[in-house]
């Protein structure tokens, strides 16, 4: 993808934004560099037959210059289940969905703030398991309680 030398294998339920961070880390690039390069690429630069089908819709949202009033994908900040991330360190696509607020596997609320600096977790980072603001490990985050309305 994107013509980079090292291309980690894609997990079947991995989110595109999380994969871009893993791609940056594997190639010793900043998350910002990979993200900007991705946005500048034309559709012809990426073959979607080897990627999860839902990546097409997030790609369209990420590369669109038009503001989307009710976006399907959360592109502002990262959210995650600390239990899932501890089990396998990759970003699940379901965490990137704008309306998802809890882990459907563990029934805990998704964490969206750094456990150390308490800043929202930015997509602009170079390692999937670190805070982009202070560099703290996300593995120390504790699961949060799900919202009552989220348990359906």
Protein backbone atom coordinates (compact mmCIF):
# COMPACT_ATOMS: atom_id res chain seq x y z
CA UNK A 1 0.00 0.00 0.00
CA UNK A 2 1.26 3.46 -0.93
CA UNK A 3 4.44 1.92 -2.34
CA UNK A 4 6.11 1.63 1.07
CA UNK A 5 8.78 -1.00 1.60
CA UNK A 6 7.32 -2.71 4.67
CA UNK A 7 3.63 -3.58 4.54
CA UNK A 8 2.28 -5.33 7.64
CA UNK A 9 -0.48 -7.86 6.98
CA UNK A 10 -3.96 -6.45 7.36
CA UNK A 11 -6.26 -8.00 9.94
CA UNK A 12 -9.75 -8.75 8.58
CA UNK A 13 -11.44 -6.42 11.09
CA UNK A 14 -8.74 -3.73 11.10
CA UNK A 15 -9.64 -0.10 10.55
CA UNK A 16 -7.93 1.89 7.80
CA UNK A 17 -6.84 4.74 10.07
CA UNK A 18 -5.28 2.30 12.53
CA UNK A 19 -3.55 0.46 9.68
CA UNK A 20 -2.04 3.74 8.46
CA UNK A 21 -0.48 4.18 11.92
CA UNK A 22 0.94 0.63 11.85
CA UNK A 23 2.23 1.30 8.34
CA UNK A 24 4.00 4.45 9.55
CA UNK A 25 5.55 2.61 12.50
CA UNK A 26 6.75 -0.30 10.33
CA UNK A 27 8.44 2.12 7.90
CA UNK A 28 9.91 4.48 10.53
CA UNK A 29 7.74 7.36 9.33
CA UNK A 30 5.54 9.72 11.25
CA UNK A 31 1.82 9.09 11.26
CA UNK A 32 1.37 12.58 9.81
CA UNK A 33 3.61 11.76 6.81
CA UNK A 34 1.75 8.56 5.95
CA UNK A 35 -1.66 10.18 6.45
CA UNK A 36 -0.80 13.15 4.20
CA UNK A 37 0.66 10.86 1.56
CA UNK A 38 -2.45 8.67 1.71
CA UNK A 39 -4.72 11.70 1.27
CA UNK A 40 -2.70 12.92 -1.72
CA UNK A 41 -2.88 9.59 -3.55
CA UNK A 42 -5.44 9.05 -6.26
CA UNK A 43 -7.78 6.07 -6.13
CA UNK A 44 -5.62 4.35 -8.73
CA UNK A 45 -2.76 4.18 -6.21
CA UNK A 46 -4.61 1.77 -3.96
CA UNK A 47 -6.00 -1.63 -4.87
CA UNK A 48 -9.01 -2.41 -2.72
CA UNK A 49 -9.32 -6.03 -3.77
CA UNK A 50 -6.71 -6.91 -1.10
CA UNK A 51 -8.25 -4.76 1.64
CA UNK A 52 -11.44 -4.99 3.70
CA UNK A 53 -14.42 -3.79 1.68
CA UNK A 54 -15.36 -1.12 4.25
CA UNK A 55 -12.04 0.70 3.67
CA UNK A 56 -13.53 2.26 0.54
CA UNK A 57 -16.06 4.33 2.53
CA UNK A 58 -13.51 5.55 5.10
CA UNK A 59 -11.10 6.42 2.27
CA UNK A 60 -13.80 8.55 0.67
CA UNK A 61 -14.46 10.35 3.96
CA UNK A 62 -10.75 10.91 4.68
CA UNK A 63 -9.96 12.29 1.24
CA UNK A 64 -13.11 14.36 0.74
CA UNK A 65 -12.74 18.13 0.83
CA UNK A 66 -16.45 18.48 1.58
CA UNK A 67 -17.60 18.49 5.21
CA UNK A 68 -19.92 15.57 5.94
CA UNK A 69 -22.76 16.59 8.31
CA UNK A 70 -23.21 13.11 9.87
CA UNK A 71 -20.06 11.10 9.15
CA UNK A 72 -20.06 7.33 9.46
CA UNK A 73 -16.41 7.22 10.56
CA UNK A 74 -14.77 9.01 13.48
CA UNK A 75 -11.79 10.87 12.03
CA UNK A 76 -11.27 13.33 14.90
CA UNK A 77 -9.90 11.15 17.69
CA UNK A 78 -9.09 7.52 18.42
CA UNK A 79 -11.13 5.33 20.75
CA UNK A 80 -10.31 1.81 21.84
CA UNK A 81 -11.04 -1.11 24.12
CA UNK A 82 -7.98 -1.61 26.37
CA UNK A 83 -8.74 -5.32 26.69
CA UNK A 84 -8.85 -5.92 22.91
CA UNK A 85 -5.77 -3.74 22.29
CA UNK A 86 -3.90 -5.69 24.99
CA UNK A 87 -4.88 -8.98 23.35
CA UNK A 88 -3.79 -7.97 19.84
CA UNK A 89 -2.25 -4.54 19.16
CA UNK A 90 -4.13 -3.33 16.08
CA UNK A 91 -7.01 -0.88 15.69
CA UNK A 92 -10.42 -2.46 15.13
CA UNK A 93 -12.63 -0.93 12.46
CA UNK A 94 -15.64 -0.96 14.79
CA UNK A 95 -13.80 1.50 17.08
CA UNK A 96 -13.59 3.92 14.15
CA UNK A 97 -17.36 4.02 13.64
CA UNK A 98 -18.70 7.38 14.84
CA UNK A 99 -21.66 6.00 16.80
CA UNK A 100 -19.89 3.11 18.52
CA UNK A 101 -19.09 3.92 22.16
CA UNK A 102 -18.52 0.49 23.69
CA UNK A 103 -16.68 -2.73 22.91
CA UNK A 104 -19.18 -5.29 21.64
CA UNK A 105 -16.88 -8.11 22.79
CA UNK A 106 -16.11 -7.04 26.38
CA UNK A 107 -19.11 -4.74 27.02
CA UNK A 108 -16.93 -1.90 28.31
CA UNK A 109 -16.88 1.72 27.21
CA UNK A 110 -14.24 2.73 24.67
CA UNK A 111 -11.39 4.88 26.00
CA UNK A 112 -10.71 8.07 24.05
CA UNK A 113 -8.37 9.96 26.37
CA UNK A 114 -4.76 9.22 27.24
CA UNK A 115 -4.46 7.56 30.68
CA UNK A 116 -1.53 9.89 31.52
CA UNK A 117 -2.08 13.35 29.96
CA UNK A 118 -5.88 12.99 29.61
CA UNK A 119 -5.84 14.52 26.12
CA UNK A 120 -8.07 13.12 23.37
CA UNK A 121 -6.16 10.48 21.42
CA UNK A 122 -5.25 11.95 18.04
CA UNK A 123 -4.99 9.96 14.82
CA UNK A 124 -1.73 11.83 14.26
CA UNK A 125 0.72 9.51 15.99
CA UNK A 126 3.44 7.08 14.98
CA UNK A 127 2.64 4.04 17.12
CA UNK A 128 -0.73 2.38 17.55
CA UNK A 129 -0.17 1.72 21.25
CA UNK A 130 1.04 5.21 22.24
CA UNK A 131 -0.51 8.59 22.90
CA UNK A 132 0.41 11.03 20.13
CA UNK A 133 0.63 13.91 22.63
CA UNK A 134 2.79 12.55 25.45
CA UNK A 135 3.98 9.15 24.18
CA UNK A 136 2.44 7.22 27.09
CA UNK A 137 1.58 3.58 26.56
CA UNK A 138 -2.12 2.92 25.97
CA UNK A 139 -1.68 -0.55 27.45
CA UNK A 140 -2.01 0.98 30.94
CA UNK A 141 -5.50 2.36 30.21
CA UNK A 142 -8.34 0.93 32.26
CA UNK A 143 -11.63 0.02 30.60
CA UNK A 144 -14.37 2.54 31.25
CA UNK A 145 -17.94 1.79 32.21
CA UNK A 146 -20.29 1.69 29.22
CA UNK A 147 -23.07 4.23 29.00
CA UNK A 148 -26.40 2.74 30.07
CA UNK A 149 -27.92 3.65 26.69
CA UNK A 150 -25.07 1.85 24.88
CA UNK A 151 -26.04 -1.54 26.29
CA UNK A 152 -28.55 -2.74 23.71
